[in-house]
Every structure is written in C-alpha cells, then in structure tokens.
Amino acid sequence: MKARDSVSRYESRLREYTNFSRRTIADICRNIGGRPAGSEEELKAQQYMAEKVGDAADEVHTEEFTVSPYALFSEMQAGGFLCIAAMLLFHLSRIFSIPALMWAALCCVVFEAVLIIVEFLFYRQMTDWLLPKKTSHNVYMIRRPEGEVKRRIIMGGHADSSWEWRYTHMGGKNLMIPSLAIPIVG
C-alpha cells in the first residue's frame, strides 16, 4: 500500500511534514551552528532531533561510535606532500646524478596513485589510522507497527555538517573541474 492511499489528506500532510523538516533543519543551523563530526554541537543537534521526533516514536536510542573527522581531506594533504616530495627528489636526482632519488620519486608517485585508487575508488581507509579520533553518535528511533509487519522502513540522515570543497562554493562546476584536472594532468 502506498502512503498516498493510507494517509488521509496526503497532500496537506506531506506539506506539513516537509515544513516540519525544513523548520527543524533551519532551527539547528541557526541555534546550534556548525556541527563537525564528533563535536559537542553535533551531539546537541542529535539530541534536539531526538526530542523533536520523540513523540512519534516508541523508543529513542543513542549509540556511540568512533570517527576520524578529517579523513576526507587527509588523503589530499598526504597526496600534496607526496607529489612535492616526488618533484624535489626528481630534481635532486637530476642535479646530483643519484639514481636512487629517481626511484624514491617514483615510489612517492606510485604510493599516491595507490592512495587515490584505494581511498576514492574502492572506498577503503588507508590513512585513517594516522588521524585523530573522536566519539560521535547515532540516534535512532523505533516505532512499533500496528498489525502484521510486512515491511521495514529505515530513514537516515546526517546531523554533522561535513567539510566541503572550497572550489564548489567559489565557482561551482566551472572552477571545480579545473581544480581537479590540473593536478591530475600535472
């Protein structure tokens, strides 16, 4: 059965739920502010959301987990370091005629390529163990069904405000494409 068939006044209820979500998000942004992963502000936002939906749920639970808040951008910093090291080693090998430095430069480039492929293509964590950890939380609610259970609905979202790509905000796609293409080609 579709929601349209089971909810009376579906269109007005949909607008009501949409406005509730929009107002709640606006309240969190205005009153709590930025919410980096694992921060006190993120926990406040989660507690606020749990309080808001608590009346509609039979149970509200919070569970802790460990997060590396800087993991997304750490690979780029490591990549920048490895590329600069490779350039320096390459030029030093040419100036001083030391072949071992050329091999070290090649190792830096290969390691950076492996990092990019493993972290971004296969989404495996290679550098996270080097990064500081914080405790974050999941908040979930349970609403017991009436009658026979035929389906389970799981809705998810983020309470944290993640780090963002500066170039997306500065120039959108027109700046993002060159900012990625130039280093790749280089």
Protein backbone atom coordinates (compact mmCIF):
# COMPACT_ATOMS: atom_id res chain seq x y z
CA MET A 1 0.00 0.00 0.00
CA LYS A 2 1.33 3.42 -0.89
CA ALA A 3 1.42 6.35 1.54
CA ARG A 4 -0.94 8.25 -0.77
CA ASP A 5 -3.56 5.52 -0.24
CA SER A 6 -3.11 5.08 3.51
CA VAL A 7 -2.73 8.68 4.74
CA SER A 8 -5.85 10.79 4.80
CA ARG A 9 -5.35 14.26 3.29
CA TYR A 10 -2.00 13.05 1.91
CA GLU A 11 -1.07 16.28 0.06
CA SER A 12 -1.60 18.53 3.10
CA ARG A 13 0.14 16.03 5.41
CA LEU A 14 3.08 15.89 3.00
CA ARG A 15 3.37 19.69 3.10
CA GLU A 16 3.10 19.61 6.89
CA TYR A 17 5.91 17.02 7.20
CA THR A 18 8.06 18.89 4.69
CA ASN A 19 7.63 22.17 6.56
CA PHE A 20 8.40 20.43 9.85
CA SER A 21 11.66 19.06 8.42
CA ARG A 22 12.63 22.41 6.90
CA ARG A 23 11.92 24.31 10.13
CA THR A 24 13.83 21.77 12.23
CA ILE A 25 16.87 21.98 9.96
CA ALA A 26 16.71 25.79 9.98
CA ASP A 27 16.47 25.79 13.81
CA ILE A 28 19.51 23.54 14.09
CA CYS A 29 21.56 25.68 11.69
CA ARG A 30 20.52 28.93 13.37
CA ASN A 31 20.69 27.88 17.04
CA ILE A 32 23.42 25.24 17.09
CA GLY A 33 25.57 26.30 14.15
CA GLY A 34 28.36 24.26 12.58
CA ARG A 35 28.48 20.63 13.63
CA PRO A 36 31.81 18.96 12.79
CA ALA A 37 31.74 15.18 13.19
CA GLY A 38 32.34 14.15 16.79
CA SER A 39 31.77 17.65 18.19
CA GLU A 40 29.59 18.75 21.08
CA GLU A 41 27.43 20.70 18.59
CA GLU A 42 26.76 17.53 16.59
CA LEU A 43 25.59 15.78 19.76
CA LYS A 44 23.35 18.75 20.61
CA ALA A 45 21.79 18.57 17.14
CA GLN A 46 21.15 14.86 17.55
CA GLN A 47 19.59 15.37 20.98
CA TYR A 48 17.44 18.16 19.54
CA MET A 49 16.23 15.91 16.70
CA ALA A 50 15.55 13.03 19.10
CA GLU A 51 13.49 15.38 21.26
CA LYS A 52 11.55 16.68 18.24
CA VAL A 53 10.59 13.23 16.96
CA GLY A 54 10.39 11.59 20.34
CA ASP A 55 6.60 11.92 20.49
CA ALA A 56 6.21 9.99 17.23
CA ALA A 57 8.48 7.12 18.34
CA ASP A 58 8.03 4.37 20.89
CA GLU A 59 11.73 4.22 21.67
CA VAL A 60 14.67 6.57 21.12
CA HIS A 61 18.23 5.23 21.40
CA THR A 62 21.71 6.72 21.15
CA GLU A 63 24.83 4.70 20.36
CA GLU A 64 28.45 5.81 20.24
CA PHE A 65 30.99 5.14 17.52
CA THR A 66 34.48 6.35 16.65
CA VAL A 67 35.03 8.72 13.74
CA SER A 68 38.02 10.36 12.08
CA PRO A 69 36.59 13.80 11.26
CA TYR A 70 39.46 14.83 8.98
CA ALA A 71 39.64 11.60 6.96
CA LEU A 72 38.12 13.01 3.76
CA PHE A 73 40.76 15.68 3.28
CA SER A 74 43.74 13.89 4.83
CA GLU A 75 44.42 11.96 1.65
CA MET A 76 44.65 15.21 -0.29
CA GLN A 77 47.17 16.62 2.16
CA ALA A 78 49.18 13.40 2.01
CA GLY A 79 48.92 13.50 -1.79
CA GLY A 80 50.18 17.06 -1.93
CA PHE A 81 53.10 16.19 0.32
CA LEU A 82 53.97 13.10 -1.74
CA CYS A 83 53.78 15.00 -5.04
CA ILE A 84 56.01 17.82 -3.76
CA ALA A 85 58.44 15.24 -2.33
CA ALA A 86 58.46 13.41 -5.69
CA MET A 87 59.23 16.64 -7.56
CA LEU A 88 62.05 17.54 -5.18
CA LEU A 89 63.53 14.04 -5.32
CA PHE A 90 63.28 14.00 -9.11
CA HIS A 91 65.10 17.32 -9.49
CA LEU A 92 67.72 16.37 -6.88
CA SER A 93 68.36 13.10 -8.74
CA ARG A 94 68.93 15.07 -11.95
CA ILE A 95 71.17 17.69 -10.31
CA PHE A 96 73.33 15.26 -8.33
CA SER A 97 73.05 12.26 -10.69
CA ILE A 98 71.82 9.93 -7.95
CA PRO A 99 69.56 7.24 -9.48
CA ALA A 100 68.22 6.15 -6.07
CA LEU A 101 66.49 9.53 -5.68
CA MET A 102 64.71 8.95 -9.01
CA TRP A 103 63.42 5.62 -7.68
CA ALA A 104 62.31 7.31 -4.45
CA ALA A 105 60.40 9.91 -6.51
CA LEU A 106 58.74 7.14 -8.48
CA CYS A 107 57.78 5.40 -5.22
CA CYS A 108 56.14 8.62 -3.97
CA VAL A 109 54.09 8.92 -7.17
CA VAL A 110 53.08 5.26 -7.15
CA PHE A 111 52.12 5.40 -3.46
CA GLU A 112 49.98 8.49 -4.11
CA ALA A 113 48.27 6.74 -7.03
CA VAL A 114 47.57 3.74 -4.79
CA LEU A 115 46.16 6.07 -2.11
CA ILE A 116 43.82 7.72 -4.62
CA ILE A 117 42.63 4.42 -6.07
CA VAL A 118 42.14 2.67 -2.73
CA GLU A 119 40.60 5.62 -0.85
CA PHE A 120 38.38 7.11 -3.55
CA LEU A 121 37.68 4.28 -5.97
CA PHE A 122 37.40 1.34 -3.57
CA TYR A 123 36.45 3.49 -0.54
CA ARG A 124 38.89 1.70 1.76
CA GLN A 125 40.52 3.52 4.64
CA MET A 126 44.30 3.58 4.31
CA THR A 127 45.24 6.72 6.22
CA ASP A 128 42.51 6.86 8.89
CA TRP A 129 44.65 5.09 11.47
CA LEU A 130 47.05 8.06 11.40
CA LEU A 131 44.34 10.59 12.19
CA PRO A 132 42.89 11.79 15.50
CA LYS A 133 39.68 10.06 16.55
CA LYS A 134 36.55 11.48 18.13
CA THR A 135 33.41 9.93 19.53
CA SER A 136 30.26 10.52 17.54
CA HIS A 137 26.74 9.20 17.99
CA ASN A 138 23.91 7.61 16.10
CA VAL A 139 20.41 8.43 17.23
CA TYR A 140 17.67 6.12 16.09
CA MET A 141 14.01 5.79 16.85
CA ILE A 142 11.74 2.75 16.80
CA ARG A 143 8.05 2.91 16.14
CA ARG A 144 6.20 -0.35 16.67
CA PRO A 145 3.75 -1.23 13.93
CA GLU A 146 0.08 -1.90 14.34
CA GLY A 147 -0.96 -5.26 12.94
CA GLU A 148 1.10 -7.57 10.76
CA VAL A 149 4.61 -6.44 9.81
CA LYS A 150 5.08 -6.53 6.05
CA ARG A 151 7.92 -4.07 5.53
CA ARG A 152 10.60 -2.27 7.47
CA ILE A 153 11.30 1.39 6.76
CA ILE A 154 14.70 2.82 7.60
CA MET A 155 15.37 6.52 7.19
CA GLY A 156 18.80 8.01 7.69
CA GLY A 157 20.47 11.37 7.71
CA HIS A 158 23.46 13.28 8.96
CA ALA A 159 23.48 15.58 11.96
CA ASP A 160 27.03 16.70 11.26
CA SER A 161 27.92 19.49 8.88
CA SER A 162 30.68 17.94 6.83
CA TRP A 163 33.77 19.59 5.43
CA GLU A 164 33.14 20.95 1.98
CA TRP A 165 35.09 21.58 -1.19
CA ARG A 166 36.01 25.27 -1.20
CA TYR A 167 36.08 25.38 -5.01
CA THR A 168 32.47 24.22 -5.28
CA HIS A 169 31.32 27.30 -3.36
CA MET A 170 33.69 29.72 -5.05
CA GLY A 171 32.93 28.85 -8.65
CA GLY A 172 30.76 25.77 -8.92
CA LYS A 173 31.49 23.32 -11.69
CA ASN A 174 33.41 25.93 -13.70
CA LEU A 175 36.11 26.09 -11.01
CA MET A 176 35.81 22.54 -9.66
CA ILE A 177 36.71 20.78 -12.92
CA PRO A 178 39.99 22.70 -13.47
CA SER A 179 40.92 22.38 -9.78
CA LEU A 180 40.74 18.60 -10.15
CA ALA A 181 42.01 18.28 -13.72
CA ILE A 182 45.16 20.40 -13.37
CA PRO A 183 46.71 18.28 -10.55
CA ILE A 184 45.76 15.04 -12.31
CA VAL A 185 47.34 16.13 -15.56
CA GLY A 186 50.36 17.53 -13.68
